[in-house]
Amino acid sequence: MRVSDKPTIKRIPCPHCGHITRIRKTREYSRAYREITCQCLNEKCGCTFVASVEPVRILVPSAIPDPTVHIPLSEHINVKQLALSLNEPKKRA
């Protein structure tokens, strides 16, 4: 993976002082759920907490979906149009 290919990670603010936190540890419970341990970088605060990370809804469906992962589609997705586009043959450029 090149440096430019790495995902951008937004910092989670401390729930007490609002300062940025550092992710100290992650624990994956399933493909769609993990918990992260965060530590506040404000020396005066020092709060350490666990946050959960879980996809809530799909905005753009995967081209290679995992059948074992069940995440609801966003309400803005037109399911009938999506089904039609998935069944259409691919056009060559």
PDB file of N, CA and C in Angstrom:
ATOM      1  N   MET A   1       0.852  -1.177   0.000  1.00  0.00           N
ATOM      2  CA  MET A   1       0.000   0.000   0.000  1.00  0.00           C
ATOM      3  C   MET A   1       0.894   1.235   0.000  1.00  0.00           C
ATOM      4  N   ARG A   2       0.662   2.121  -0.932  1.00  0.00           N
ATOM      5  CA  ARG A   2       1.399   3.377  -0.971  1.00  0.00           C
ATOM      6  C   ARG A   2       0.837   4.325   0.080  1.00  0.00           C
ATOM      7  N   VAL A   3       1.647   5.307   0.462  1.00  0.00           N
ATOM      8  CA  VAL A   3       1.211   6.276   1.472  1.00  0.00           C
ATOM      9  C   VAL A   3      -0.056   6.985   1.032  1.00  0.00           C
ATOM     10  N   SER A   4      -0.157   7.312  -0.251  1.00  0.00           N
ATOM     11  CA  SER A   4      -1.339   8.023  -0.749  1.00  0.00           C
ATOM     12  C   SER A   4      -2.592   7.155  -0.739  1.00  0.00           C
ATOM     13  N   ASP A   5      -2.417   5.830  -0.645  1.00  0.00           N
ATOM     14  CA  ASP A   5      -3.559   4.915  -0.629  1.00  0.00           C
ATOM     15  C   ASP A   5      -4.132   4.707   0.775  1.00  0.00           C
ATOM     16  N   LYS A   6      -3.409   5.165   1.804  1.00  0.00           N
ATOM     17  CA  LYS A   6      -3.886   4.959   3.169  1.00  0.00           C
ATOM     18  C   LYS A   6      -5.130   5.808   3.422  1.00  0.00           C
ATOM     19  N   PRO A   7      -6.124   5.237   4.131  1.00  0.00           N
ATOM     20  CA  PRO A   7      -7.328   6.022   4.427  1.00  0.00           C
ATOM     21  C   PRO A   7      -7.014   7.148   5.404  1.00  0.00           C
ATOM     22  N   THR A   8      -7.733   8.238   5.251  1.00  0.00           N
ATOM     23  CA  THR A   8      -7.598   9.358   6.179  1.00  0.00           C
ATOM     24  C   THR A   8      -8.390   9.026   7.433  1.00  0.00           C
ATOM     25  N   ILE A   9      -7.767   9.163   8.573  1.00  0.00           N
ATOM     26  CA  ILE A   9      -8.434   8.859   9.833  1.00  0.00           C
ATOM     27  C   ILE A   9      -8.745  10.172  10.539  1.00  0.00           C
ATOM     28  N   LYS A  10     -10.004  10.407  10.771  1.00  0.00           N
ATOM     29  CA  LYS A  10     -10.427  11.580  11.536  1.00  0.00           C
ATOM     30  C   LYS A  10     -10.247  11.271  13.007  1.00  0.00           C
ATOM     31  N   ARG A  11      -9.883  12.264  13.751  1.00  0.00           N
ATOM     32  CA  ARG A  11      -9.696  12.081  15.189  1.00  0.00           C
ATOM     33  C   ARG A  11     -11.032  12.175  15.906  1.00  0.00           C
ATOM     34  N   ILE A  12     -11.168  11.378  16.940  1.00  0.00           N
ATOM     35  CA  ILE A  12     -12.366  11.405  17.767  1.00  0.00           C
ATOM     36  C   ILE A  12     -12.111  12.378  18.915  1.00  0.00           C
ATOM     37  N   PRO A  13     -12.971  13.366  19.115  1.00  0.00           N
ATOM     38  CA  PRO A  13     -12.746  14.305  20.214  1.00  0.00           C
ATOM     39  C   PRO A  13     -13.045  13.669  21.569  1.00  0.00           C
ATOM     40  N   CYS A  14     -12.350  14.147  22.575  1.00  0.00           N
ATOM     41  CA  CYS A  14     -12.591  13.690  23.947  1.00  0.00           C
ATOM     42  C   CYS A  14     -13.997  14.131  24.355  1.00  0.00           C
ATOM     43  N   PRO A  15     -14.786  13.234  24.958  1.00  0.00           N
ATOM     44  CA  PRO A  15     -16.144  13.608  25.364  1.00  0.00           C
ATOM     45  C   PRO A  15     -16.168  14.620  26.517  1.00  0.00           C
ATOM     46  N   HIS A  16     -15.048  14.783  27.221  1.00  0.00           N
ATOM     47  CA  HIS A  16     -15.013  15.700  28.365  1.00  0.00           C
ATOM     48  C   HIS A  16     -14.465  17.072  27.999  1.00  0.00           C
ATOM     49  N   CYS A  17     -13.288  17.114  27.384  1.00  0.00           N
ATOM     50  CA  CYS A  17     -12.668  18.419  27.118  1.00  0.00           C
ATOM     51  C   CYS A  17     -12.703  18.821  25.640  1.00  0.00           C
ATOM     52  N   GLY A  18     -13.058  17.887  24.749  1.00  0.00           N
ATOM     53  CA  GLY A  18     -13.156  18.206  23.326  1.00  0.00           C
ATOM     54  C   GLY A  18     -11.834  18.171  22.577  1.00  0.00           C
ATOM     55  N   HIS A  19     -10.728  17.906  23.265  1.00  0.00           N
ATOM     56  CA  HIS A  19      -9.414  17.842  22.639  1.00  0.00           C
ATOM     57  C   HIS A  19      -9.315  16.573  21.784  1.00  0.00           C
ATOM     58  N   ILE A  20      -8.373  16.531  20.845  1.00  0.00           N
ATOM     59  CA  ILE A  20      -8.222  15.332  20.020  1.00  0.00           C
ATOM     60  C   ILE A  20      -7.701  14.170  20.861  1.00  0.00           C
ATOM     61  N   THR A  21      -7.988  12.968  20.385  1.00  0.00           N
ATOM     62  CA  THR A  21      -7.545  11.763  21.076  1.00  0.00           C
ATOM     63  C   THR A  21      -6.667  10.937  20.151  1.00  0.00           C
ATOM     64  N   ARG A  22      -5.970   9.999  20.739  1.00  0.00           N
ATOM     65  CA  ARG A  22      -5.146   9.055  19.990  1.00  0.00           C
ATOM     66  C   ARG A  22      -5.787   7.682  20.154  1.00  0.00           C
ATOM     67  N   ILE A  23      -5.862   6.937  19.063  1.00  0.00           N
ATOM     68  CA  ILE A  23      -6.374   5.570  19.143  1.00  0.00           C
ATOM     69  C   ILE A  23      -5.235   4.690  19.650  1.00  0.00           C
ATOM     70  N   ARG A  24      -5.444   4.092  20.789  1.00  0.00           N
ATOM     71  CA  ARG A  24      -4.418   3.265  21.415  1.00  0.00           C
ATOM     72  C   ARG A  24      -4.539   1.796  21.028  1.00  0.00           C
ATOM     73  N   LYS A  25      -5.772   1.339  20.797  1.00  0.00           N
ATOM     74  CA  LYS A  25      -5.985  -0.081  20.538  1.00  0.00           C
ATOM     75  C   LYS A  25      -7.308  -0.257  19.809  1.00  0.00           C
ATOM     76  N   THR A  26      -7.382  -1.264  18.948  1.00  0.00           N
ATOM     77  CA  THR A  26      -8.655  -1.619  18.323  1.00  0.00           C
ATOM     78  C   THR A  26      -8.888  -3.114  18.541  1.00  0.00           C
ATOM     79  N   ARG A  27     -10.148  -3.454  18.649  1.00  0.00           N
ATOM     80  CA  ARG A  27     -10.518  -4.861  18.789  1.00  0.00           C
ATOM     81  C   ARG A  27     -11.686  -5.132  17.858  1.00  0.00           C
ATOM     82  N   GLU A  28     -11.485  -6.049  16.925  1.00  0.00           N
ATOM     83  CA  GLU A  28     -12.521  -6.383  15.952  1.00  0.00           C
ATOM     84  C   GLU A  28     -13.359  -7.540  16.487  1.00  0.00           C
ATOM     85  N   TYR A  29     -14.671  -7.313  16.566  1.00  0.00           N
ATOM     86  CA  TYR A  29     -15.591  -8.351  17.016  1.00  0.00           C
ATOM     87  C   TYR A  29     -16.254  -9.051  15.840  1.00  0.00           C
ATOM     88  N   SER A  30     -16.412  -8.329  14.739  1.00  0.00           N
ATOM     89  CA  SER A  30     -16.960  -8.896  13.511  1.00  0.00           C
ATOM     90  C   SER A  30     -16.500  -8.023  12.354  1.00  0.00           C
ATOM     91  N   ARG A  31     -16.836  -8.413  11.122  1.00  0.00           N
ATOM     92  CA  ARG A  31     -16.447  -7.622   9.953  1.00  0.00           C
ATOM     93  C   ARG A  31     -17.096  -6.244   9.990  1.00  0.00           C
ATOM     94  N   ALA A  32     -18.197  -6.112  10.733  1.00  0.00           N
ATOM     95  CA  ALA A  32     -18.927  -4.842  10.744  1.00  0.00           C
ATOM     96  C   ALA A  32     -18.967  -4.165  12.111  1.00  0.00           C
ATOM     97  N   TYR A  33     -18.172  -4.648  13.064  1.00  0.00           N
ATOM     98  CA  TYR A  33     -18.189  -4.009  14.382  1.00  0.00           C
ATOM     99  C   TYR A  33     -16.814  -4.114  15.036  1.00  0.00           C
ATOM    100  N   ARG A  34     -16.342  -2.993  15.552  1.00  0.00           N
ATOM    101  CA  ARG A  34     -15.096  -2.990  16.326  1.00  0.00           C
ATOM    102  C   ARG A  34     -15.176  -1.948  17.425  1.00  0.00           C
ATOM    103  N   GLU A  35     -14.355  -2.138  18.427  1.00  0.00           N
ATOM    104  CA  GLU A  35     -14.238  -1.160  19.502  1.00  0.00           C
ATOM    105  C   GLU A  35     -12.828  -0.591  19.476  1.00  0.00           C
ATOM    106  N   ILE A  36     -12.744   0.720  19.711  1.00  0.00           N
ATOM    107  CA  ILE A  36     -11.440   1.374  19.736  1.00  0.00           C
ATOM    108  C   ILE A  36     -11.240   2.038  21.100  1.00  0.00           C
ATOM    109  N   THR A  37     -10.031   1.903  21.617  1.00  0.00           N
ATOM    110  CA  THR A  37      -9.676   2.555  22.873  1.00  0.00           C
ATOM    111  C   THR A  37      -8.971   3.852  22.524  1.00  0.00           C
ATOM    112  N   CYS A  38      -9.496   4.968  23.021  1.00  0.00           N
ATOM    113  CA  CYS A  38      -8.960   6.293  22.720  1.00  0.00           C
ATOM    114  C   CYS A  38      -8.412   6.937  23.982  1.00  0.00           C
ATOM    115  N   GLN A  39      -7.330   7.705  23.815  1.00  0.00           N
ATOM    116  CA  GLN A  39      -6.729   8.420  24.935  1.00  0.00           C
ATOM    117  C   GLN A  39      -6.650   9.902  24.576  1.00  0.00           C
ATOM    118  N   CYS A  40      -7.165  10.751  25.446  1.00  0.00           N
ATOM    119  CA  CYS A  40      -7.142  12.190  25.232  1.00  0.00           C
ATOM    120  C   CYS A  40      -5.693  12.686  25.260  1.00  0.00           C
ATOM    121  N   LEU A  41      -5.342  13.551  24.315  1.00  0.00           N
ATOM    122  CA  LEU A  41      -3.988  14.087  24.247  1.00  0.00           C
ATOM    123  C   LEU A  41      -3.817  15.372  25.059  1.00  0.00           C
ATOM    124  N   ASN A  42      -4.888  15.829  25.717  1.00  0.00           N
ATOM    125  CA  ASN A  42      -4.799  16.990  26.594  1.00  0.00           C
ATOM    126  C   ASN A  42      -4.214  16.514  27.927  1.00  0.00           C
ATOM    127  N   GLU A  43      -3.005  16.987  28.250  1.00  0.00           N
ATOM    128  CA  GLU A  43      -2.336  16.543  29.477  1.00  0.00           C
ATOM    129  C   GLU A  43      -3.150  16.823  30.734  1.00  0.00           C
ATOM    130  N   LYS A  44      -3.957  17.877  30.715  1.00  0.00           N
ATOM    131  CA  LYS A  44      -4.758  18.218  31.890  1.00  0.00           C
ATOM    132  C   LYS A  44      -5.964  17.299  32.060  1.00  0.00           C
ATOM    133  N   CYS A  45      -6.379  16.654  30.967  1.00  0.00           N
ATOM    134  CA  CYS A  45      -7.565  15.787  31.011  1.00  0.00           C
ATOM    135  C   CYS A  45      -7.159  14.319  31.192  1.00  0.00           C
ATOM    136  N   GLY A  46      -6.513  13.746  30.174  1.00  0.00           N
ATOM    137  CA  GLY A  46      -6.033  12.365  30.263  1.00  0.00           C
ATOM    138  C   GLY A  46      -7.086  11.281  30.208  1.00  0.00           C
ATOM    139  N   CYS A  47      -8.304  11.612  29.838  1.00  0.00           N
ATOM    140  CA  CYS A  47      -9.393  10.627  29.763  1.00  0.00           C
ATOM    141  C   CYS A  47      -9.044   9.518  28.766  1.00  0.00           C
ATOM    142  N   THR A  48      -9.347   8.278  29.128  1.00  0.00           N
ATOM    143  CA  THR A  48      -9.221   7.140  28.229  1.00  0.00           C
ATOM    144  C   THR A  48     -10.591   6.475  28.177  1.00  0.00           C
ATOM    145  N   PHE A  49     -11.078   6.184  26.973  1.00  0.00           N
ATOM    146  CA  PHE A  49     -12.422   5.622  26.820  1.00  0.00           C
ATOM    147  C   PHE A  49     -12.467   4.663  25.645  1.00  0.00           C
ATOM    148  N   VAL A  50     -13.511   3.871  25.599  1.00  0.00           N
ATOM    149  CA  VAL A  50     -13.737   2.927  24.509  1.00  0.00           C
ATOM    150  C   VAL A  50     -14.909   3.437  23.690  1.00  0.00           C
ATOM    151  N   ALA A  51     -14.740   3.448  22.368  1.00  0.00           N
ATOM    152  CA  ALA A  51     -15.812   3.858  21.450  1.00  0.00           C
ATOM    153  C   ALA A  51     -16.099   2.696  20.507  1.00  0.00           C
ATOM    154  N   SER A  52     -17.325   2.624  20.028  1.00  0.00           N
ATOM    155  CA  SER A  52     -17.675   1.573  19.074  1.00  0.00           C
ATOM    156  C   SER A  52     -17.743   2.161  17.671  1.00  0.00           C
ATOM    157  N   VAL A  53     -17.349   1.351  16.707  1.00  0.00           N
ATOM    158  CA  VAL A  53     -17.380   1.751  15.297  1.00  0.00           C
ATOM    159  C   VAL A  53     -18.165   0.682  14.552  1.00  0.00           C
ATOM    160  N   GLU A  54     -19.258   1.124  13.927  1.00  0.00           N
ATOM    161  CA  GLU A  54     -20.136   0.187  13.228  1.00  0.00           C
ATOM    162  C   GLU A  54     -20.789   0.895  12.058  1.00  0.00           C
ATOM    163  N   PRO A  55     -20.743   0.313  10.856  1.00  0.00           N
ATOM    164  CA  PRO A  55     -21.461   0.924   9.740  1.00  0.00           C
ATOM    165  C   PRO A  55     -22.961   0.948  10.043  1.00  0.00           C
ATOM    166  N   VAL A  56     -23.609   2.067   9.711  1.00  0.00           N
ATOM    167  CA  VAL A  56     -25.029   2.233  10.004  1.00  0.00           C
ATOM    168  C   VAL A  56     -25.883   1.938   8.771  1.00  0.00           C
ATOM    169  N   ARG A  57     -25.449   2.422   7.608  1.00  0.00           N
ATOM    170  CA  ARG A  57     -26.182   2.187   6.364  1.00  0.00           C
ATOM    171  C   ARG A  57     -25.218   2.317   5.190  1.00  0.00           C
ATOM    172  N   ILE A  58     -25.580   1.683   4.090  1.00  0.00           N
ATOM    173  CA  ILE A  58     -24.766   1.692   2.875  1.00  0.00           C
ATOM    174  C   ILE A  58     -25.246   2.832   1.977  1.00  0.00           C
ATOM    175  N   LEU A  59     -24.322   3.694   1.576  1.00  0.00           N
ATOM    176  CA  LEU A  59     -24.656   4.791   0.665  1.00  0.00           C
ATOM    177  C   LEU A  59     -24.447   4.384  -0.789  1.00  0.00           C
ATOM    178  N   VAL A  60     -23.394   3.638  -1.053  1.00  0.00           N
ATOM    179  CA  VAL A  60     -23.111   3.111  -2.386  1.00  0.00           C
ATOM    180  C   VAL A  60     -22.771   1.637  -2.196  1.00  0.00           C
ATOM    181  N   PRO A  61     -23.554   0.733  -2.777  1.00  0.00           N
ATOM    182  CA  PRO A  61     -23.320  -0.697  -2.578  1.00  0.00           C
ATOM    183  C   PRO A  61     -21.958  -1.138  -3.116  1.00  0.00           C
ATOM    184  N   SER A  62     -21.400  -2.160  -2.489  1.00  0.00           N
ATOM    185  CA  SER A  62     -20.127  -2.725  -2.911  1.00  0.00           C
ATOM    186  C   SER A  62     -20.283  -3.485  -4.216  1.00  0.00           C
ATOM    187  N   ALA A  63     -19.241  -3.436  -5.030  1.00  0.00           N
ATOM    188  CA  ALA A  63     -19.223  -4.223  -6.266  1.00  0.00           C
ATOM    189  C   ALA A  63     -18.890  -5.677  -5.951  1.00  0.00           C
ATOM    190  N   ILE A  64     -18.334  -5.933  -4.765  1.00  0.00           N
ATOM    191  CA  ILE A  64     -17.996  -7.300  -4.341  1.00  0.00           C
ATOM    192  C   ILE A  64     -18.513  -7.530  -2.918  1.00  0.00           C
ATOM    193  N   PRO A  65     -19.827  -7.545  -2.743  1.00  0.00           N
ATOM    194  CA  PRO A  65     -20.391  -7.652  -1.389  1.00  0.00           C
ATOM    195  C   PRO A  65     -20.078  -8.996  -0.725  1.00  0.00           C
ATOM    196  N   ASP A  66     -19.893  -8.950   0.578  1.00  0.00           N
ATOM    197  CA  ASP A  66     -19.703 -10.157   1.383  1.00  0.00           C
ATOM    198  C   ASP A  66     -21.087 -10.598   1.850  1.00  0.00           C
ATOM    199  N   PRO A  67     -21.534 -11.774   1.480  1.00  0.00           N
ATOM    200  CA  PRO A  67     -22.885 -12.216   1.842  1.00  0.00           C
ATOM    201  C   PRO A  67     -23.091 -12.400   3.345  1.00  0.00           C
ATOM    202  N   THR A  68     -22.022 -12.449   4.115  1.00  0.00           N
ATOM    203  CA  THR A  68     -22.160 -12.619   5.559  1.00  0.00           C
ATOM    204  C   THR A  68     -22.297 -11.279   6.285  1.00  0.00           C
ATOM    205  N   VAL A  69     -22.101 -10.167   5.580  1.00  0.00           N
ATOM    206  CA  VAL A  69     -22.204  -8.838   6.188  1.00  0.00           C
ATOM    207  C   VAL A  69     -23.556  -8.243   5.826  1.00  0.00           C
ATOM    208  N   HIS A  70     -24.329  -7.878   6.836  1.00  0.00           N
ATOM    209  CA  HIS A  70     -25.681  -7.347   6.622  1.00  0.00           C
ATOM    210  C   HIS A  70     -25.769  -5.921   7.168  1.00  0.00           C
ATOM    211  N   ILE A  71     -25.679  -4.949   6.258  1.00  0.00           N
ATOM    212  CA  ILE A  71     -25.787  -3.533   6.599  1.00  0.00           C
ATOM    213  C   ILE A  71     -26.910  -2.972   5.728  1.00  0.00           C
ATOM    214  N   PRO A  72     -27.903  -2.312   6.310  1.00  0.00           N
ATOM    215  CA  PRO A  72     -29.029  -1.831   5.506  1.00  0.00           C
ATOM    216  C   PRO A  72     -28.615  -0.753   4.505  1.00  0.00           C
ATOM    217  N   LEU A  73     -29.331  -0.735   3.388  1.00  0.00           N
ATOM    218  CA  LEU A  73     -29.123   0.313   2.388  1.00  0.00           C
ATOM    219  C   LEU A  73     -29.752   1.612   2.875  1.00  0.00           C
ATOM    220  N   SER A  74     -29.141   2.711   2.515  1.00  0.00           N
ATOM    221  CA  SER A  74     -29.695   4.022   2.840  1.00  0.00           C
ATOM    222  C   SER A  74     -31.032   4.179   2.129  1.00  0.00           C
ATOM    223  N   GLU A  75     -31.930   4.938   2.729  1.00  0.00           N
ATOM    224  CA  GLU A  75     -33.256   5.135   2.140  1.00  0.00           C
ATOM    225  C   GLU A  75     -33.199   5.881   0.819  1.00  0.00           C
ATOM    226  N   HIS A  76     -32.111   6.615   0.542  1.00  0.00           N
ATOM    227  CA  HIS A  76     -32.033   7.385  -0.698  1.00  0.00           C
ATOM    228  C   HIS A  76     -31.753   6.505  -1.911  1.00  0.00           C
ATOM    229  N   ILE A  77     -31.336   5.257  -1.690  1.00  0.00           N
ATOM    230  CA  ILE A  77     -31.031   4.369  -2.807  1.00  0.00           C
ATOM    231  C   ILE A  77     -32.332   3.837  -3.397  1.00  0.00           C
ATOM    232  N   ASN A  78     -32.491   4.002  -4.688  1.00  0.00           N
ATOM    233  CA  ASN A  78     -33.647   3.483  -5.390  1.00  0.00           C
ATOM    234  C   ASN A  78     -33.381   2.008  -5.680  1.00  0.00           C
ATOM    235  N   VAL A  79     -33.972   1.123  -4.893  1.00  0.00           N
ATOM    236  CA  VAL A  79     -33.684  -0.305  -4.976  1.00  0.00           C
ATOM    237  C   VAL A  79     -34.060  -0.875  -6.342  1.00  0.00           C
ATOM    238  N   LYS A  80     -35.184  -0.438  -6.915  1.00  0.00           N
ATOM    239  CA  LYS A  80     -35.590  -0.949  -8.226  1.00  0.00           C
ATOM    240  C   LYS A  80     -34.581  -0.558  -9.299  1.00  0.00           C
ATOM    241  N   GLN A  81     -34.116   0.703  -9.278  1.00  0.00           N
ATOM    242  CA  GLN A  81     -33.129   1.156 -10.249  1.00  0.00           C
ATOM    243  C   GLN A  81     -31.805   0.418 -10.057  1.00  0.00           C
ATOM    244  N   LEU A  82     -31.438   0.175  -8.807  1.00  0.00           N
ATOM    245  CA  LEU A  82     -30.206  -0.549  -8.506  1.00  0.00           C
ATOM    246  C   LEU A  82     -30.280  -1.968  -9.067  1.00  0.00           C
ATOM    247  N   ALA A  83     -31.405  -2.639  -8.876  1.00  0.00           N
ATOM    248  CA  ALA A  83     -31.571  -3.999  -9.390  1.00  0.00           C
ATOM    249  C   ALA A  83     -31.482  -4.015 -10.910  1.00  0.00           C
ATOM    250  N   LEU A  84     -32.091  -3.025 -11.564  1.00  0.00           N
ATOM    251  CA  LEU A  84     -32.019  -2.951 -13.023  1.00  0.00           C
ATOM    252  C   LEU A  84     -30.584  -2.744 -13.495  1.00  0.00           C
ATOM    253  N   SER A  85     -29.856  -1.849 -12.848  1.00  0.00           N
ATOM    254  CA  SER A  85     -28.488  -1.570 -13.278  1.00  0.00           C
ATOM    255  C   SER A  85     -27.566  -2.757 -13.025  1.00  0.00           C
ATOM    256  N   LEU A  86     -27.829  -3.552 -11.994  1.00  0.00           N
ATOM    257  CA  LEU A  86     -27.010  -4.735 -11.737  1.00  0.00           C
ATOM    258  C   LEU A  86     -27.260  -5.831 -12.757  1.00  0.00           C
ATOM    259  N   ASN A  87     -28.462  -5.859 -13.333  1.00  0.00           N
ATOM    260  CA  ASN A  87     -28.807  -6.890 -14.312  1.00  0.00           C
ATOM    261  C   ASN A  87     -28.457  -6.501 -15.741  1.00  0.00           C
ATOM    262  N   GLU A  88     -28.141  -5.222 -15.988  1.00  0.00           N
ATOM    263  CA  GLU A  88     -27.773  -4.791 -17.330  1.00  0.00           C
ATOM    264  C   GLU A  88     -26.383  -5.286 -17.680  1.00  0.00           C
ATOM    265  N   PRO A  89     -26.171  -5.708 -18.941  1.00  0.00           N
ATOM    266  CA  PRO A  89     -24.820  -6.109 -19.338  1.00  0.00           C
ATOM    267  C   PRO A  89     -23.887  -4.902 -19.310  1.00  0.00           C
ATOM    268  N   LYS A  90     -22.625  -5.153 -18.954  1.00  0.00           N
ATOM    269  CA  LYS A  90     -21.634  -4.090 -18.905  1.00  0.00           C
ATOM    270  C   LYS A  90     -21.321  -3.618 -20.325  1.00  0.00           C
ATOM    271  N   LYS A  91     -21.279  -2.278 -20.481  1.00  0.00           N
ATOM    272  CA  LYS A  91     -20.950  -1.699 -21.774  1.00  0.00           C
ATOM    273  C   LYS A  91     -19.450  -1.472 -21.846  1.00  0.00           C
ATOM    274  N   ARG A  92     -18.862  -1.796 -22.983  1.00  0.00           N
ATOM    275  CA  ARG A  92     -17.433  -1.585 -23.172  1.00  0.00           C
ATOM    276  C   ARG A  92     -17.185  -0.173 -23.649  1.00  0.00           C
ATOM    277  N   ALA A  93     -16.103   0.428 -23.128  1.00  0.00           N
ATOM    278  CA  ALA A  93     -15.773   1.812 -23.496  1.00  0.00           C
ATOM    279  C   ALA A  93     -15.096   1.862 -24.851  1.00  0.00           C
TER     280      ALA A  93
END
